[in-house]
Amino acid sequence: CQKSGSIESYVINWHTDIFLESPMTGESEPQEPDGG
């Protein structure tokens, strides 16, 4: 799991951890230009 400075990313993070490879999210590691 990757920690990001975004609530949405955080929610999707733990969500993906529970569902494991969710159909909603393509990749568990979203490539964002903003690094914090």
PDB file of N, CA and C in Angstrom:
ATOM      1  N   CYS A   1       0.834  -1.206   0.000  1.00  0.00           N
ATOM      2  CA  CYS A   1       0.000   0.000   0.000  1.00  0.00           C
ATOM      3  C   CYS A   1       0.872   1.261   0.000  1.00  0.00           C
ATOM      4  N   GLN A   2       0.441   2.249  -0.754  1.00  0.00           N
ATOM      5  CA  GLN A   2       1.219   3.491  -0.842  1.00  0.00           C
ATOM      6  C   GLN A   2       0.482   4.629  -0.159  1.00  0.00           C
ATOM      7  N   LYS A   3       1.223   5.369   0.668  1.00  0.00           N
ATOM      8  CA  LYS A   3       0.599   6.490   1.386  1.00  0.00           C
ATOM      9  C   LYS A   3       0.631   7.744   0.523  1.00  0.00           C
ATOM     10  N   SER A   4      -0.523   8.367   0.399  1.00  0.00           N
ATOM     11  CA  SER A   4      -0.600   9.586  -0.413  1.00  0.00           C
ATOM     12  C   SER A   4      -1.262  10.699   0.378  1.00  0.00           C
ATOM     13  N   GLY A   5      -1.036  11.945  -0.046  1.00  0.00           N
ATOM     14  CA  GLY A   5      -1.620  13.084   0.651  1.00  0.00           C
ATOM     15  C   GLY A   5      -3.022  13.380   0.148  1.00  0.00           C
ATOM     16  N   SER A   6      -3.723  12.328  -0.281  1.00  0.00           N
ATOM     17  CA  SER A   6      -5.080  12.527  -0.785  1.00  0.00           C
ATOM     18  C   SER A   6      -6.043  11.565  -0.089  1.00  0.00           C
ATOM     19  N   ILE A   7      -7.172  12.088   0.317  1.00  0.00           N
ATOM     20  CA  ILE A   7      -8.154  11.240   0.997  1.00  0.00           C
ATOM     21  C   ILE A   7      -8.660  10.156   0.050  1.00  0.00           C
ATOM     22  N   GLU A   8      -8.963  10.548  -1.169  1.00  0.00           N
ATOM     23  CA  GLU A   8      -9.466   9.578  -2.146  1.00  0.00           C
ATOM     24  C   GLU A   8      -8.499   8.418  -2.323  1.00  0.00           C
ATOM     25  N   SER A   9      -7.226   8.762  -2.472  1.00  0.00           N
ATOM     26  CA  SER A   9      -6.204   7.731  -2.653  1.00  0.00           C
ATOM     27  C   SER A   9      -6.158   6.822  -1.430  1.00  0.00           C
ATOM     28  N   TYR A  10      -6.275   7.421  -0.254  1.00  0.00           N
ATOM     29  CA  TYR A  10      -6.223   6.655   0.992  1.00  0.00           C
ATOM     30  C   TYR A  10      -7.394   5.686   1.075  1.00  0.00           C
ATOM     31  N   VAL A  11      -8.581   6.210   0.760  1.00  0.00           N
ATOM     32  CA  VAL A  11      -9.782   5.372   0.807  1.00  0.00           C
ATOM     33  C   VAL A  11      -9.655   4.204  -0.163  1.00  0.00           C
ATOM     34  N   ILE A  12      -9.183   4.500  -1.373  1.00  0.00           N
ATOM     35  CA  ILE A  12      -9.031   3.456  -2.385  1.00  0.00           C
ATOM     36  C   ILE A  12      -7.965   2.456  -1.938  1.00  0.00           C
ATOM     37  N   ASN A  13      -6.950   2.950  -1.211  1.00  0.00           N
ATOM     38  CA  ASN A  13      -5.881   2.088  -0.740  1.00  0.00           C
ATOM     39  C   ASN A  13      -6.427   0.986   0.149  1.00  0.00           C
ATOM     40  N   TRP A  14      -7.104   1.351   1.223  1.00  0.00           N
ATOM     41  CA  TRP A  14      -7.622   0.332   2.144  1.00  0.00           C
ATOM     42  C   TRP A  14      -8.746  -0.458   1.493  1.00  0.00           C
ATOM     43  N   HIS A  15      -9.460   0.182   0.570  1.00  0.00           N
ATOM     44  CA  HIS A  15     -10.533  -0.511  -0.133  1.00  0.00           C
ATOM     45  C   HIS A  15      -9.953  -1.630  -0.989  1.00  0.00           C
ATOM     46  N   THR A  16      -8.870  -1.308  -1.700  1.00  0.00           N
ATOM     47  CA  THR A  16      -8.233  -2.295  -2.568  1.00  0.00           C
ATOM     48  C   THR A  16      -7.656  -3.425  -1.724  1.00  0.00           C
ATOM     49  N   ASP A  17      -7.173  -3.079  -0.532  1.00  0.00           N
ATOM     50  CA  ASP A  17      -6.582  -4.089   0.345  1.00  0.00           C
ATOM     51  C   ASP A  17      -7.629  -5.110   0.767  1.00  0.00           C
ATOM     52  N   ILE A  18      -8.860  -4.650   0.920  1.00  0.00           N
ATOM     53  CA  ILE A  18      -9.937  -5.540   1.358  1.00  0.00           C
ATOM     54  C   ILE A  18     -10.471  -6.360   0.187  1.00  0.00           C
ATOM     55  N   PHE A  19     -10.702  -5.681  -0.929  1.00  0.00           N
ATOM     56  CA  PHE A  19     -11.267  -6.363  -2.087  1.00  0.00           C
ATOM     57  C   PHE A  19     -10.192  -7.097  -2.887  1.00  0.00           C
ATOM     58  N   LEU A  20      -8.953  -6.634  -2.766  1.00  0.00           N
ATOM     59  CA  LEU A  20      -7.848  -7.261  -3.494  1.00  0.00           C
ATOM     60  C   LEU A  20      -8.134  -7.265  -4.991  1.00  0.00           C
ATOM     61  N   GLU A  21      -7.429  -6.406  -5.708  1.00  0.00           N
ATOM     62  CA  GLU A  21      -7.621  -6.316  -7.156  1.00  0.00           C
ATOM     63  C   GLU A  21      -9.073  -6.012  -7.481  1.00  0.00           C
ATOM     64  N   SER A  22      -9.509  -4.839  -7.090  1.00  0.00           N
ATOM     65  CA  SER A  22     -10.898  -4.455  -7.339  1.00  0.00           C
ATOM     66  C   SER A  22     -11.097  -4.114  -8.816  1.00  0.00           C
ATOM     67  N   PRO A  23     -12.272  -4.430  -9.333  1.00  0.00           N
ATOM     68  CA  PRO A  23     -12.573  -4.144 -10.742  1.00  0.00           C
ATOM     69  C   PRO A  23     -12.675  -2.640 -11.006  1.00  0.00           C
ATOM     70  N   MET A  24     -12.992  -1.878  -9.956  1.00  0.00           N
ATOM     71  CA  MET A  24     -13.129  -0.430 -10.107  1.00  0.00           C
ATOM     72  C   MET A  24     -11.767   0.207 -10.365  1.00  0.00           C
ATOM     73  N   THR A  25     -10.748  -0.232  -9.617  1.00  0.00           N
ATOM     74  CA  THR A  25      -9.412   0.340  -9.773  1.00  0.00           C
ATOM     75  C   THR A  25      -8.552  -0.583 -10.638  1.00  0.00           C
ATOM     76  N   GLY A  26      -7.900   0.001 -11.638  1.00  0.00           N
ATOM     77  CA  GLY A  26      -7.072  -0.806 -12.540  1.00  0.00           C
ATOM     78  C   GLY A  26      -5.818  -1.274 -11.830  1.00  0.00           C
ATOM     79  N   GLU A  27      -5.096  -0.324 -11.227  1.00  0.00           N
ATOM     80  CA  GLU A  27      -3.852  -0.665 -10.555  1.00  0.00           C
ATOM     81  C   GLU A  27      -3.884  -0.200  -9.108  1.00  0.00           C
ATOM     82  N   SER A  28      -3.250  -0.988  -8.234  1.00  0.00           N
ATOM     83  CA  SER A  28      -3.247  -0.633  -6.816  1.00  0.00           C
ATOM     84  C   SER A  28      -2.276   0.506  -6.553  1.00  0.00           C
ATOM     85  N   GLU A  29      -1.394   0.761  -7.538  1.00  0.00           N
ATOM     86  CA  GLU A  29      -0.413   1.840  -7.381  1.00  0.00           C
ATOM     87  C   GLU A  29      -0.607   2.892  -8.457  1.00  0.00           C
ATOM     88  N   PRO A  30      -1.477   3.871  -8.172  1.00  0.00           N
ATOM     89  CA  PRO A  30      -1.751   4.941  -9.142  1.00  0.00           C
ATOM     90  C   PRO A  30      -0.552   5.857  -9.338  1.00  0.00           C
ATOM     91  N   GLN A  31      -0.196   6.093 -10.596  1.00  0.00           N
ATOM     92  CA  GLN A  31       0.962   6.931 -10.902  1.00  0.00           C
ATOM     93  C   GLN A  31       0.539   8.393 -10.939  1.00  0.00           C
ATOM     94  N   GLU A  32       0.869   9.112  -9.865  1.00  0.00           N
ATOM     95  CA  GLU A  32       0.505  10.528  -9.789  1.00  0.00           C
ATOM     96  C   GLU A  32       1.755  11.407  -9.831  1.00  0.00           C
ATOM     97  N   PRO A  33       1.659  12.533 -10.577  1.00  0.00           N
ATOM     98  CA  PRO A  33       2.805  13.445 -10.703  1.00  0.00           C
ATOM     99  C   PRO A  33       3.120  14.127  -9.375  1.00  0.00           C
ATOM    100  N   ASP A  34       2.106  14.281  -8.546  1.00  0.00           N
ATOM    101  CA  ASP A  34       2.286  14.954  -7.261  1.00  0.00           C
ATOM    102  C   ASP A  34       2.781  13.974  -6.209  1.00  0.00           C
ATOM    103  N   GLY A  35       3.976  14.198  -5.699  1.00  0.00           N
ATOM    104  CA  GLY A  35       4.543  13.298  -4.690  1.00  0.00           C
ATOM    105  C   GLY A  35       4.687  13.981  -3.353  1.00  0.00           C
ATOM    106  N   GLY A  36       3.971  13.457  -2.350  1.00  0.00           N
ATOM    107  CA  GLY A  36       4.034  14.120  -1.073  1.00  0.00           C
ATOM    108  C   GLY A  36       4.127  13.075   0.002  1.00  0.00           C
TER     109      GLY A  36
END
